[in-house]
Protein backbone atom coordinates (compact mmCIF):
# COMPACT_ATOMS: atom_id res chain seq x y z
CA UNK A 1 -45.49 47.39 71.68
CA UNK A 2 -44.11 50.27 69.61
CA UNK A 3 -46.73 52.88 68.68
CA UNK A 4 -44.64 54.61 66.04
CA UNK A 5 -47.50 56.94 65.12
CA UNK A 6 -47.65 58.27 68.69
CA UNK A 7 -43.90 58.98 68.78
CA UNK A 8 -43.98 60.57 65.32
CA UNK A 9 -46.95 62.73 66.27
CA UNK A 10 -45.05 63.94 69.32
CA UNK A 11 -42.17 64.98 67.07
CA UNK A 12 -44.55 66.66 64.60
CA UNK A 13 -46.09 68.67 67.42
CA UNK A 14 -42.63 69.70 68.56
CA UNK A 15 -41.72 70.86 65.07
CA UNK A 16 -44.84 73.03 64.82
CA UNK A 17 -43.87 74.77 68.06
CA UNK A 18 -40.35 75.67 66.95
CA UNK A 19 -39.59 79.36 67.23
CA UNK A 20 -39.12 80.17 63.54
CA UNK A 21 -39.18 83.94 62.87
CA UNK A 22 -41.67 85.48 60.46
CA UNK A 23 -39.26 87.79 58.66
CA UNK A 24 -37.57 87.76 56.28
CA UNK A 25 -40.29 85.45 54.98
CA UNK A 26 -38.18 84.46 51.96
CA UNK A 27 -35.69 82.90 54.40
CA UNK A 28 -38.05 81.31 56.92
CA UNK A 29 -41.07 80.30 54.81
CA UNK A 30 -39.03 77.57 53.03
CA UNK A 31 -38.02 76.16 56.43
CA UNK A 32 -41.63 76.05 57.64
CA UNK A 33 -42.67 74.51 54.33
CA UNK A 34 -40.04 71.78 54.32
CA UNK A 35 -40.57 70.81 57.95
CA UNK A 36 -44.33 70.59 57.34
CA UNK A 37 -44.30 68.20 54.37
CA UNK A 38 -43.87 65.13 56.53
CA UNK A 39 -41.40 62.33 56.69
CA UNK A 40 -41.08 59.22 58.81
CA UNK A 41 -39.32 61.10 61.66
CA UNK A 42 -37.38 57.92 62.41
CA UNK A 43 -34.20 59.69 63.55
CA UNK A 44 -35.78 61.84 66.29
CA UNK A 45 -37.88 58.87 67.40
CA UNK A 46 -34.61 56.98 67.91
CA UNK A 47 -33.38 59.79 70.16
CA UNK A 48 -36.55 59.55 72.24
CA UNK A 49 -36.18 55.76 72.48
CA UNK A 50 -32.48 55.99 73.32
CA UNK A 51 -33.32 58.15 76.34
CA UNK A 52 -36.42 56.14 77.26
CA UNK A 53 -34.33 52.97 77.38
CA UNK A 54 -32.54 54.44 80.42
CA UNK A 55 -35.60 55.85 82.15
CA UNK A 56 -35.61 59.42 80.80
CA UNK A 57 -39.00 60.94 79.92
CA UNK A 58 -39.29 62.05 76.32
CA UNK A 59 -40.06 65.65 77.35
CA UNK A 60 -36.49 65.96 78.66
CA UNK A 61 -34.94 64.95 75.33
CA UNK A 62 -37.40 66.53 72.87
CA UNK A 63 -35.16 69.43 71.86
CA UNK A 64 -32.27 67.09 71.10
CA UNK A 65 -34.59 64.85 69.06
CA UNK A 66 -35.77 67.93 67.14
CA UNK A 67 -32.12 68.93 66.62
CA UNK A 68 -31.53 65.60 64.85
CA UNK A 69 -34.62 66.06 62.67
CA UNK A 70 -33.87 69.68 61.73
CA UNK A 71 -30.29 68.73 60.88
CA UNK A 72 -31.51 65.81 58.76
CA UNK A 73 -33.89 68.10 56.88
CA UNK A 74 -31.09 70.62 56.30
CA UNK A 75 -29.08 67.88 54.59
CA UNK A 76 -32.08 66.95 52.43
CA UNK A 77 -32.61 70.53 51.26
CA UNK A 78 -28.98 70.76 50.14
CA UNK A 79 -28.89 67.21 48.75
CA UNK A 80 -31.93 67.99 46.57
CA UNK A 81 -30.06 70.92 45.05
CA UNK A 82 -27.00 68.78 44.30
CA UNK A 83 -29.14 65.94 42.94
CA UNK A 84 -31.39 68.34 40.97
CA UNK A 85 -34.34 66.49 42.52
CA UNK A 86 -37.76 67.97 41.66
CA UNK A 87 -39.78 66.09 44.29
CA UNK A 88 -39.31 65.25 47.95
CA UNK A 89 -42.02 63.46 49.97
CA UNK A 90 -44.43 63.98 47.09
CA UNK A 91 -43.98 67.78 47.12
CA UNK A 92 -41.83 70.26 45.23
CA UNK A 93 -38.32 70.54 46.60
CA UNK A 94 -37.32 73.90 48.07
CA UNK A 95 -35.02 74.88 45.22
CA UNK A 96 -37.80 74.16 42.71
CA UNK A 97 -40.51 76.00 44.66
CA UNK A 98 -38.25 79.00 45.33
CA UNK A 99 -34.74 78.92 43.87
CA UNK A 100 -31.31 77.49 44.62
CA UNK A 101 -30.01 80.53 46.50
CA UNK A 102 -33.01 80.52 48.83
CA UNK A 103 -32.63 76.77 49.39
CA UNK A 104 -28.93 77.11 50.25
CA UNK A 105 -29.49 79.93 52.75
CA UNK A 106 -32.58 78.39 54.36
CA UNK A 107 -30.70 75.13 54.71
CA UNK A 108 -27.82 76.94 56.39
CA UNK A 109 -30.21 78.41 58.96
CA UNK A 110 -31.67 74.97 59.64
CA UNK A 111 -28.20 73.64 60.38
CA UNK A 112 -27.58 76.47 62.87
CA UNK A 113 -31.00 75.93 64.45
CA UNK A 114 -30.15 72.27 64.98
CA UNK A 115 -27.19 73.30 67.15
CA UNK A 116 -29.37 75.71 69.14
CA UNK A 117 -31.80 72.89 69.86
CA UNK A 118 -29.03 70.42 70.73
CA UNK A 119 -27.56 72.80 73.29
CA UNK A 120 -30.83 73.52 75.11
CA UNK A 121 -30.76 70.74 77.70
CA UNK A 122 -30.82 70.51 81.49
CA UNK A 123 -27.79 68.22 81.89
CA UNK A 124 -25.10 70.67 80.78
CA UNK A 125 -22.31 68.32 81.90
CA UNK A 126 -22.97 66.02 78.90
CA UNK A 127 -23.02 68.88 76.38
CA UNK A 128 -19.32 68.58 75.34
CA UNK A 129 -19.83 64.89 74.53
CA UNK A 130 -23.05 65.61 72.62
CA UNK A 131 -21.31 68.28 70.57
CA UNK A 132 -18.34 66.01 69.85
CA UNK A 133 -20.58 63.24 68.53
CA UNK A 134 -22.86 65.63 66.64
CA UNK A 135 -19.93 67.43 65.01
CA UNK A 136 -18.28 64.20 63.89
CA UNK A 137 -21.59 62.95 62.53
CA UNK A 138 -22.11 66.20 60.60
CA UNK A 139 -18.66 65.81 59.01
CA UNK A 140 -19.33 62.14 58.22
CA UNK A 141 -22.63 63.02 56.50
CA UNK A 142 -20.86 65.63 54.33
CA UNK A 143 -18.13 63.13 53.45
CA UNK A 144 -20.79 60.60 52.49
CA UNK A 145 -22.58 63.10 50.27
CA UNK A 146 -19.31 64.00 48.55
CA UNK A 147 -18.53 60.33 47.93
CA UNK A 148 -22.03 59.89 46.52
CA UNK A 149 -21.37 62.68 44.02
CA UNK A 150 -17.87 61.39 43.27
CA UNK A 151 -19.30 57.97 42.45
CA UNK A 152 -21.47 59.50 39.72
CA UNK A 153 -18.37 60.20 37.62
CA UNK A 154 -16.04 57.50 38.95
CA UNK A 155 -15.58 54.72 36.42
CA UNK A 156 -15.58 51.84 38.90
CA UNK A 157 -17.07 51.65 42.40
CA UNK A 158 -16.80 48.53 44.56
CA UNK A 159 -19.56 47.13 46.74
CA UNK A 160 -17.47 47.88 49.86
CA UNK A 161 -16.92 51.48 48.75
CA UNK A 162 -20.65 51.88 48.26
CA UNK A 163 -21.46 50.46 51.70
CA UNK A 164 -18.97 52.86 53.27
CA UNK A 165 -20.58 55.77 51.42
CA UNK A 166 -24.08 54.98 52.69
CA UNK A 167 -22.70 54.34 56.17
CA UNK A 168 -21.41 57.91 56.20
CA UNK A 169 -24.20 59.62 54.31
CA UNK A 170 -27.17 57.94 56.00
CA UNK A 171 -26.36 55.45 58.72
CA UNK A 172 -24.17 57.37 61.15
CA UNK A 173 -26.98 59.85 61.79
CA UNK A 174 -29.27 57.04 62.96
CA UNK A 175 -26.52 55.81 65.27
CA UNK A 176 -25.89 59.36 66.49
CA UNK A 177 -29.60 59.90 67.17
CA UNK A 178 -29.73 56.85 69.43
CA UNK A 179 -26.43 57.59 71.15
CA UNK A 180 -27.44 61.16 71.99
CA UNK A 181 -30.60 59.90 73.70
CA UNK A 182 -28.57 57.27 75.54
CA UNK A 183 -25.97 59.80 76.73
CA UNK A 184 -28.68 62.04 78.17
CA UNK A 185 -30.10 58.91 79.79
CA UNK A 186 -26.77 58.22 81.53
CA UNK A 187 -25.81 55.12 79.52
CA UNK A 188 -22.35 53.66 79.98
CA UNK A 189 -19.84 53.61 77.11
CA UNK A 190 -20.54 49.97 76.25
CA UNK A 191 -24.27 50.56 75.90
CA UNK A 192 -23.64 53.74 73.90
CA UNK A 193 -21.40 51.82 71.49
CA UNK A 194 -23.89 48.97 71.09
CA UNK A 195 -26.75 51.39 70.40
CA UNK A 196 -24.68 53.39 67.93
CA UNK A 197 -23.82 50.19 66.07
CA UNK A 198 -27.46 49.11 66.12
CA UNK A 199 -28.48 52.44 64.57
CA UNK A 200 -25.64 52.38 62.07
CA UNK A 201 -26.35 48.85 60.85
CA UNK A 202 -30.09 49.36 60.64
CA UNK A 203 -29.30 52.58 58.77
CA UNK A 204 -27.33 50.65 56.14
CA UNK A 205 -30.20 48.17 55.78
CA UNK A 206 -32.60 51.14 55.57
CA UNK A 207 -30.59 52.77 52.75
CA UNK A 208 -30.40 49.53 50.78
CA UNK A 209 -34.17 49.29 51.10
CA UNK A 210 -34.33 52.93 49.95
CA UNK A 211 -32.35 52.01 46.81
CA UNK A 212 -34.75 49.15 46.10
CA UNK A 213 -37.81 51.34 46.65
CA UNK A 214 -36.45 54.10 44.42
CA UNK A 215 -36.55 51.67 41.51
CA UNK A 216 -39.50 49.51 42.55
CA UNK A 217 -41.57 51.63 44.97
CA UNK A 218 -43.53 53.56 42.36
CA UNK A 219 -45.28 56.87 42.96
CA UNK A 220 -46.26 55.84 46.51
CA UNK A 221 -42.62 56.30 47.55
CA UNK A 222 -43.06 60.10 47.47
CA UNK A 223 -40.05 60.72 45.24
CA UNK A 224 -39.43 60.84 41.54
CA UNK A 225 -39.75 57.21 40.39
CA UNK A 226 -36.37 55.93 39.28
CA UNK A 227 -34.67 59.13 40.41
CA UNK A 228 -31.42 57.28 41.10
CA UNK A 229 -31.50 55.82 37.59
CA UNK A 230 -32.11 59.23 36.03
CA UNK A 231 -29.18 60.67 38.02
CA UNK A 232 -26.90 57.75 36.98
CA UNK A 233 -26.31 56.92 40.63
CA UNK A 234 -24.28 53.82 41.34
CA UNK A 235 -26.72 52.24 43.78
CA UNK A 236 -26.29 48.75 45.15
CA UNK A 237 -28.75 47.50 42.52
CA UNK A 238 -26.62 49.00 39.77
CA UNK A 239 -23.31 47.75 41.18
CA UNK A 240 -24.54 44.19 41.56
CA UNK A 241 -26.04 44.39 38.08
CA UNK A 242 -22.66 45.36 36.60
CA UNK A 243 -21.00 42.58 38.58
CA UNK A 244 -23.40 40.00 37.11
CA UNK A 245 -23.80 41.46 33.60
CA UNK A 246 -22.37 40.10 30.38
CA UNK A 247 -20.17 42.30 28.26
CA UNK A 248 -23.16 43.10 26.06
CA UNK A 249 -25.34 44.02 29.04
CA UNK A 250 -22.65 46.29 30.45
CA UNK A 251 -22.57 48.07 27.10
CA UNK A 252 -26.34 48.58 27.31
CA UNK A 253 -25.92 50.11 30.77
CA UNK A 254 -23.30 52.47 29.38
CA UNK A 255 -25.61 53.54 26.55
CA UNK A 256 -28.52 54.04 28.94
CA UNK A 257 -26.49 56.55 30.94
CA UNK A 258 -26.81 58.91 27.96
CA UNK A 259 -30.47 58.11 27.17
CA UNK A 260 -32.48 61.35 27.02
CA UNK A 261 -35.91 59.69 27.09
CA UNK A 262 -36.10 59.33 30.86
CA UNK A 263 -39.11 57.01 30.91
CA UNK A 264 -37.35 54.68 28.50
CA UNK A 265 -34.13 54.93 30.49
CA UNK A 266 -35.89 53.88 33.70
CA UNK A 267 -37.89 51.13 32.00
CA UNK A 268 -34.88 49.53 30.30
CA UNK A 269 -32.66 49.80 33.37
CA UNK A 270 -35.22 48.10 35.60
CA UNK A 271 -35.69 45.41 32.94
CA UNK A 272 -31.95 44.71 33.15
CA UNK A 273 -32.13 44.65 36.95
CA UNK A 274 -34.89 42.06 36.69
CA UNK A 275 -33.00 39.95 34.17
CA UNK A 276 -29.97 39.91 36.46
CA UNK A 277 -32.06 39.23 39.61
CA UNK A 278 -30.29 41.98 41.55
CA UNK A 279 -33.29 42.90 43.67
CA UNK A 280 -33.12 39.59 45.56
CA UNK A 281 -29.34 39.96 46.01
CA UNK A 282 -29.82 43.43 47.51
CA UNK A 283 -32.57 42.14 49.79
CA UNK A 284 -30.16 39.51 51.12
CA UNK A 285 -27.57 42.24 51.75
CA UNK A 286 -30.20 44.30 53.54
CA UNK A 287 -31.11 41.36 55.77
CA UNK A 288 -27.43 40.81 56.61
CA UNK A 289 -27.14 44.32 58.06
CA UNK A 290 -30.50 43.96 59.79
CA UNK A 291 -29.21 40.86 61.59
CA UNK A 292 -26.01 42.72 62.54
CA UNK A 293 -28.19 45.48 64.02
CA UNK A 294 -30.22 43.04 66.08
CA UNK A 295 -27.00 41.43 67.32
CA UNK A 296 -25.73 44.85 68.48
CA UNK A 297 -29.02 45.53 70.26
CA UNK A 298 -28.57 42.24 72.11
CA UNK A 299 -25.40 43.61 73.74
CA UNK A 300 -27.25 46.44 75.52
CA UNK A 301 -27.27 45.83 79.27
CA UNK A 302 -30.76 47.28 79.79
CA UNK A 303 -33.48 44.76 79.05
CA UNK A 304 -36.91 46.38 79.05
CA UNK A 305 -39.86 47.12 76.80
CA UNK A 306 -37.94 49.84 74.95
CA UNK A 307 -35.51 47.22 73.61
CA UNK A 308 -38.49 45.48 72.05
CA UNK A 309 -39.67 48.81 70.60
CA UNK A 310 -36.27 49.33 68.96
CA UNK A 311 -36.42 45.85 67.45
CA UNK A 312 -39.94 46.50 66.15
CA UNK A 313 -38.77 49.79 64.64
CA UNK A 314 -35.91 47.97 62.90
CA UNK A 315 -38.37 45.45 61.47
CA UNK A 316 -40.60 48.27 60.22
CA UNK A 317 -37.71 49.95 58.42
CA UNK A 318 -36.90 46.92 56.28
CA UNK A 319 -40.43 45.79 55.44
CA UNK A 320 -41.81 49.24 54.57
CA UNK A 321 -43.13 49.86 51.08
CA UNK A 322 -42.43 53.60 50.91
């Protein structure tokens, strides 16, 4: 049985023990602040599970798990600047609490620290492969973020283009997290590929659920309610809504993009989503990628309790309410 709280607590303890300098405080205080405001810690937990699947104790892969989490948080700090997001995990974002310049520089340091953590492992012979995968993932995440921003001004975005964007921006890091643990555990290439695909597909399902929760999760989600709507993001909800909308409804969507009363903008957009029943369509899409993930997990040659833990984690990610 997966005790997610135990794994997450282990990661939290590891984060508190990171060697973050005291000075200059204006550079390092934002890092300490952002790493302390919580999060699900799913990505580093996947690294622990990826190693555990092949008999490696979590102590031997902790630094690499922390590398994944610090890198993920670096991307969030910079994403919040680009998205002009005021809230993250129910707290002020770094650029709001300090300023954009501080957030950029502190984020840069977090990215460098993630590499330092990744490289501090006993099995040095696997380091080139870890760096290759980590580097490609870092590039993919940046490409995904750029596509996300491009879509804000692009007139038309297809469903397949959107899925590719979230695969790059969100999902590859989940696959990478698992694969890094598996590599340290001595997994063969076939098992590595299956685990990466499991992480990638569950990551797509996770992001679709994220889109749904942004609109329907309320204040408990820990973000600005309807933040994607405010930012005119072309989420899966929005794209399916446009696909199903009448000419008149599409015109309303276009007008709402310019609506300055943000509460009204969110309210009317969600009302259109409801009228077009796009939430249920997105939930079906989410379940499709969940099933693909479970199918990939079934190809892993190791059959032990950790496989069940990974399946339980996948189930948690798509039934969560925040």
